[in-house]
Amino acid sequence: MYLTEADRLSIVKKQFRFKLKSFKGMFTSLIVLQIIGIFLSLNGDGSGGGSSQFLDYRLNYYNGNIIFAFVMIWAFISAILITTKAYRFDDYSFVTDRMTSHLSNVLFLLAASFAAGITAVLANRVVILIIYFMQDNVNLTAQTPAFLSGITGIIAMTLYIFLLASVGYLAGNLVQVSKLFIVVLPAVTIGSVFLETLLTRNPSLVPDVFSFFGMEESFWLFVLKVLIVSGLSLSAAAGVSMKLEVK
């Protein structure tokens, strides 16, 4: 149906606010996963120690990798879920078309990624606080971030989450077009890794993907990379969603 730009913008705003309220179960699951991640992180990421004639010491290493992994999985799955029919039917409470639905989904993913980014960073600090107050005779060494670096960390975390959410959103739309993609996408991903292993004996595909983003020294170049890949994924998802039947 025909919508003017003013109508489309108004509907996108209404759909976005509606999704923030109706998808609150996703945020509940995010909190639960982060709580689980906090408790699992208390086991530590590694340890070491030593002794001498006058001194015994033990070093335990803690980080938020488990929390980060849980949040990334949550983002990917949540992005897939909002492409399913059960969630798409909610959009028909409004006078809408595919593009307005897509734009409101992108806004929701961005807002959810920002919320997840902030809470993931805070959850990492919670781990440190728990260790400090629960352990006896502990000498805690931690990097205390400055305000600017703290903000940069939240932005970087948000972008990582949004990147994976964008890929998940594309995957979800592909599956809605054809259920064959449920098999094709994992087969292509896993098959590429195994094929590279057989041919080169030194698989580098997955490490290269991680290093492309994670090893980038320039923050702004990292932002540019994430925005380009996310933008391409969301644009492809928009094109794919247009092929879905109109209900």
Protein backbone atom coordinates (compact mmCIF):
# COMPACT_ATOMS: atom_id res chain seq x y z
CA MET A 1 0.00 0.00 0.00
CA TYR A 2 1.08 3.61 -0.55
CA LEU A 3 2.50 5.51 2.39
CA THR A 4 3.84 9.06 2.40
CA GLU A 5 7.18 9.74 4.04
CA ALA A 6 5.46 11.50 6.96
CA ASP A 7 3.10 8.56 7.45
CA ARG A 8 5.95 6.07 7.25
CA LEU A 9 8.04 7.94 9.83
CA SER A 10 5.09 8.16 12.21
CA ILE A 11 4.30 4.45 11.85
CA VAL A 12 7.96 3.47 12.33
CA LYS A 13 8.01 5.41 15.61
CA LYS A 14 4.79 3.76 16.79
CA GLN A 15 6.00 0.29 15.83
CA PHE A 16 9.34 0.89 17.54
CA ARG A 17 7.67 1.92 20.81
CA PHE A 18 5.28 -1.01 20.52
CA LYS A 19 8.15 -3.47 20.05
CA LEU A 20 10.05 -2.10 23.02
CA LYS A 21 7.03 -2.97 25.16
CA SER A 22 5.92 -6.22 23.55
CA PHE A 23 9.43 -7.72 23.23
CA LYS A 24 10.26 -7.17 26.90
CA GLY A 25 10.68 -10.94 27.30
CA MET A 26 13.88 -10.64 25.26
CA PHE A 27 15.31 -8.20 27.79
CA THR A 28 14.31 -10.52 30.61
CA SER A 29 16.22 -13.36 28.97
CA LEU A 30 19.20 -11.02 28.52
CA ILE A 31 19.28 -10.29 32.25
CA VAL A 32 18.98 -13.98 33.12
CA LEU A 33 21.84 -14.89 30.78
CA GLN A 34 24.04 -12.17 32.20
CA ILE A 35 23.37 -13.34 35.76
CA ILE A 36 24.34 -16.87 34.72
CA GLY A 37 27.42 -15.45 33.00
CA ILE A 38 28.41 -13.57 36.16
CA PHE A 39 28.29 -16.72 38.29
CA LEU A 40 30.19 -18.77 35.70
CA SER A 41 32.82 -16.03 35.45
CA LEU A 42 33.54 -16.37 39.18
CA ASN A 43 35.36 -19.62 38.40
CA GLY A 44 38.04 -17.59 36.69
CA ASP A 45 39.68 -17.77 33.30
CA GLY A 46 42.97 -19.19 34.52
CA SER A 47 45.26 -19.36 37.49
CA GLY A 48 48.85 -19.69 38.49
CA GLY A 49 51.01 -19.46 41.53
CA GLY A 50 54.27 -20.20 43.20
CA SER A 51 56.11 -20.20 46.46
CA SER A 52 59.41 -19.42 48.04
CA GLN A 53 60.86 -19.83 51.49
CA PHE A 54 58.86 -16.92 52.87
CA LEU A 55 56.00 -16.48 50.44
CA ASP A 56 53.19 -18.45 48.85
CA TYR A 57 51.08 -16.79 46.21
CA ARG A 58 48.30 -17.67 43.79
CA LEU A 59 47.09 -15.69 40.81
CA ASN A 60 43.57 -16.00 39.45
CA TYR A 61 42.52 -14.35 36.20
CA TYR A 62 38.96 -13.14 35.68
CA ASN A 63 37.29 -11.55 32.68
CA GLY A 64 33.88 -11.10 31.13
CA ASN A 65 34.35 -13.40 28.13
CA ILE A 66 31.53 -15.72 29.21
CA ILE A 67 29.17 -12.79 29.67
CA PHE A 68 30.20 -11.41 26.29
CA ALA A 69 29.62 -14.80 24.61
CA PHE A 70 26.16 -15.15 26.19
CA VAL A 71 25.18 -11.65 25.08
CA MET A 72 26.34 -12.28 21.51
CA ILE A 73 24.36 -15.52 21.34
CA TRP A 74 21.34 -13.70 22.76
CA ALA A 75 21.62 -10.97 20.11
CA PHE A 76 21.86 -13.46 17.25
CA ILE A 77 18.90 -15.56 18.42
CA SER A 78 16.74 -12.53 19.29
CA ALA A 79 17.33 -11.04 15.84
CA ILE A 80 16.20 -14.31 14.26
CA LEU A 81 13.10 -14.46 16.46
CA ILE A 82 11.75 -11.07 15.39
CA THR A 83 11.66 -12.28 11.79
CA THR A 84 9.33 -15.19 12.60
CA LYS A 85 5.64 -15.05 11.72
CA ALA A 86 4.56 -14.82 15.35
CA TYR A 87 6.44 -11.53 15.71
CA ARG A 88 5.79 -10.24 12.19
CA PHE A 89 2.03 -10.53 12.69
CA ASP A 90 2.27 -7.92 15.45
CA ASP A 91 3.13 -5.33 12.80
CA TYR A 92 -0.29 -5.71 11.21
CA SER A 93 -1.82 -3.94 14.19
CA PHE A 94 -0.72 -0.86 12.23
CA VAL A 95 -1.27 0.35 8.68
CA THR A 96 2.12 -0.71 7.45
CA ASP A 97 4.27 -2.12 4.69
CA ARG A 98 7.44 -4.20 4.61
CA MET A 99 9.77 -1.22 4.73
CA THR A 100 8.23 0.36 7.83
CA SER A 101 8.36 -3.02 9.56
CA HIS A 102 12.01 -3.42 8.57
CA LEU A 103 12.97 0.06 9.77
CA SER A 104 11.28 -0.43 13.14
CA ASN A 105 13.08 -3.77 13.51
CA VAL A 106 16.43 -2.09 12.84
CA LEU A 107 15.69 0.57 15.45
CA PHE A 108 14.71 -2.13 17.94
CA LEU A 109 17.90 -4.10 17.28
CA LEU A 110 19.96 -0.95 17.73
CA ALA A 111 18.23 -0.07 21.01
CA ALA A 112 18.50 -3.66 22.26
CA SER A 113 22.20 -3.75 21.32
CA PHE A 114 22.83 -0.53 23.23
CA ALA A 115 21.04 -1.85 26.32
CA ALA A 116 22.94 -5.14 26.08
CA GLY A 117 26.24 -3.31 25.60
CA ILE A 118 25.80 -1.20 28.72
CA THR A 119 24.63 -4.09 30.90
CA ALA A 120 27.42 -6.38 29.64
CA VAL A 121 30.08 -3.84 30.63
CA LEU A 122 28.42 -3.33 34.02
CA ALA A 123 28.12 -7.10 34.54
CA ASN A 124 31.87 -7.39 34.02
CA ARG A 125 32.41 -4.87 36.82
CA VAL A 126 29.99 -6.81 39.03
CA VAL A 127 32.25 -9.87 38.71
CA ILE A 128 35.18 -7.84 40.01
CA LEU A 129 33.15 -6.46 42.92
CA ILE A 130 31.90 -9.90 43.94
CA ILE A 131 35.42 -11.30 43.92
CA TYR A 132 36.68 -8.37 45.97
CA PHE A 133 34.05 -8.70 48.70
CA MET A 134 33.74 -12.50 48.78
CA GLN A 135 37.39 -13.54 48.80
CA ASP A 136 39.61 -13.45 51.88
CA ASN A 137 43.11 -12.00 51.82
CA VAL A 138 42.74 -10.91 48.22
CA ASN A 139 44.87 -8.30 46.51
CA LEU A 140 42.81 -7.20 43.55
CA THR A 141 44.50 -5.71 40.51
CA ALA A 142 42.16 -4.32 37.88
CA GLN A 143 42.31 -1.69 35.21
CA THR A 144 40.16 1.25 36.22
CA PRO A 145 38.91 2.81 33.00
CA ALA A 146 38.80 6.57 32.53
CA PHE A 147 35.47 8.09 31.61
CA LEU A 148 36.30 8.40 27.91
CA SER A 149 37.69 4.88 27.61
CA GLY A 150 34.64 3.58 29.48
CA ILE A 151 32.32 5.23 26.96
CA THR A 152 34.45 3.87 24.13
CA GLY A 153 34.17 0.38 25.61
CA ILE A 154 30.37 0.62 25.77
CA ILE A 155 30.20 1.83 22.16
CA ALA A 156 32.50 -0.97 20.99
CA MET A 157 30.46 -3.57 22.87
CA THR A 158 27.24 -2.17 21.41
CA LEU A 159 28.66 -2.34 17.89
CA TYR A 160 29.80 -5.94 18.33
CA ILE A 161 26.32 -6.91 19.49
CA PHE A 162 24.61 -4.95 16.71
CA LEU A 163 26.89 -6.60 14.14
CA LEU A 164 25.88 -10.10 15.18
CA ALA A 165 22.24 -9.05 15.51
CA SER A 166 22.34 -7.76 11.91
CA VAL A 167 23.74 -11.06 10.67
CA GLY A 168 21.10 -12.94 12.67
CA TYR A 169 18.38 -10.72 11.23
CA LEU A 170 19.55 -11.53 7.70
CA ALA A 171 19.67 -15.25 8.50
CA GLY A 172 16.17 -15.10 9.98
CA ASN A 173 14.75 -13.43 6.87
CA LEU A 174 16.42 -15.98 4.62
CA VAL A 175 14.85 -18.80 6.63
CA GLN A 176 11.43 -17.15 6.33
CA VAL A 177 11.78 -17.10 2.54
CA SER A 178 12.80 -20.76 2.38
CA LYS A 179 13.16 -23.33 5.16
CA LEU A 180 16.03 -24.83 3.16
CA PHE A 181 18.24 -22.12 4.61
CA ILE A 182 17.93 -23.82 8.01
CA VAL A 183 20.18 -26.49 6.52
CA VAL A 184 22.05 -24.42 3.93
CA LEU A 185 23.38 -21.68 6.23
CA PRO A 186 24.96 -23.98 8.87
CA ALA A 187 26.19 -26.32 6.13
CA VAL A 188 27.93 -23.51 4.25
CA THR A 189 29.43 -22.03 7.41
CA ILE A 190 30.66 -25.29 8.94
CA GLY A 191 31.54 -26.77 5.55
CA SER A 192 33.75 -23.80 4.70
CA VAL A 193 35.73 -24.28 7.90
CA PHE A 194 36.16 -28.03 7.35
CA LEU A 195 37.06 -27.58 3.68
CA GLU A 196 39.72 -25.01 4.54
CA THR A 197 41.09 -27.36 7.20
CA LEU A 198 41.36 -30.22 4.70
CA LEU A 199 42.97 -28.09 2.00
CA THR A 200 45.38 -25.98 4.01
CA ARG A 201 45.83 -27.91 7.29
CA ASN A 202 45.94 -24.47 8.86
CA PRO A 203 42.40 -23.06 9.15
CA SER A 204 42.36 -19.30 9.30
CA LEU A 205 38.85 -18.34 8.18
CA VAL A 206 37.34 -17.95 11.64
CA PRO A 207 40.44 -16.32 13.18
CA ASP A 208 40.63 -13.94 10.20
CA VAL A 209 37.00 -12.90 10.70
CA PHE A 210 37.59 -12.24 14.39
CA SER A 211 40.86 -10.40 13.80
CA PHE A 212 39.26 -8.27 11.05
CA PHE A 213 37.17 -6.60 13.73
CA GLY A 214 38.76 -7.42 17.08
CA MET A 215 42.39 -6.69 16.18
CA GLU A 216 41.69 -3.33 14.59
CA GLU A 217 43.86 -0.72 16.33
CA SER A 218 41.96 2.32 15.07
CA PHE A 219 38.65 2.75 16.90
CA TRP A 220 37.07 4.76 14.10
CA LEU A 221 38.14 2.26 11.46
CA PHE A 222 36.59 -0.45 13.63
CA VAL A 223 33.35 1.56 13.76
CA LEU A 224 33.43 1.96 9.98
CA LYS A 225 33.94 -1.77 9.44
CA VAL A 226 31.05 -2.70 11.72
CA LEU A 227 28.71 -0.13 10.18
CA ILE A 228 29.52 -1.26 6.63
CA VAL A 229 29.04 -4.98 7.35
CA SER A 230 25.92 -4.32 9.44
CA GLY A 231 24.53 -2.01 6.77
CA LEU A 232 25.09 -4.59 4.04
CA SER A 233 23.46 -7.30 6.16
CA LEU A 234 20.43 -5.14 6.95
CA SER A 235 20.09 -3.99 3.33
CA ALA A 236 20.19 -7.59 2.16
CA ALA A 237 17.64 -8.50 4.83
CA ALA A 238 15.36 -5.70 3.61
CA GLY A 239 15.58 -7.02 0.06
CA VAL A 240 14.88 -10.55 1.20
CA SER A 241 11.93 -9.48 3.37
CA MET A 242 10.26 -7.91 0.34
CA LYS A 243 9.93 -11.41 -1.09
CA LEU A 244 7.84 -12.57 1.84
CA GLU A 245 4.19 -12.98 1.08
CA VAL A 246 1.91 -10.14 2.07
CA LYS A 247 -0.50 -11.22 4.78
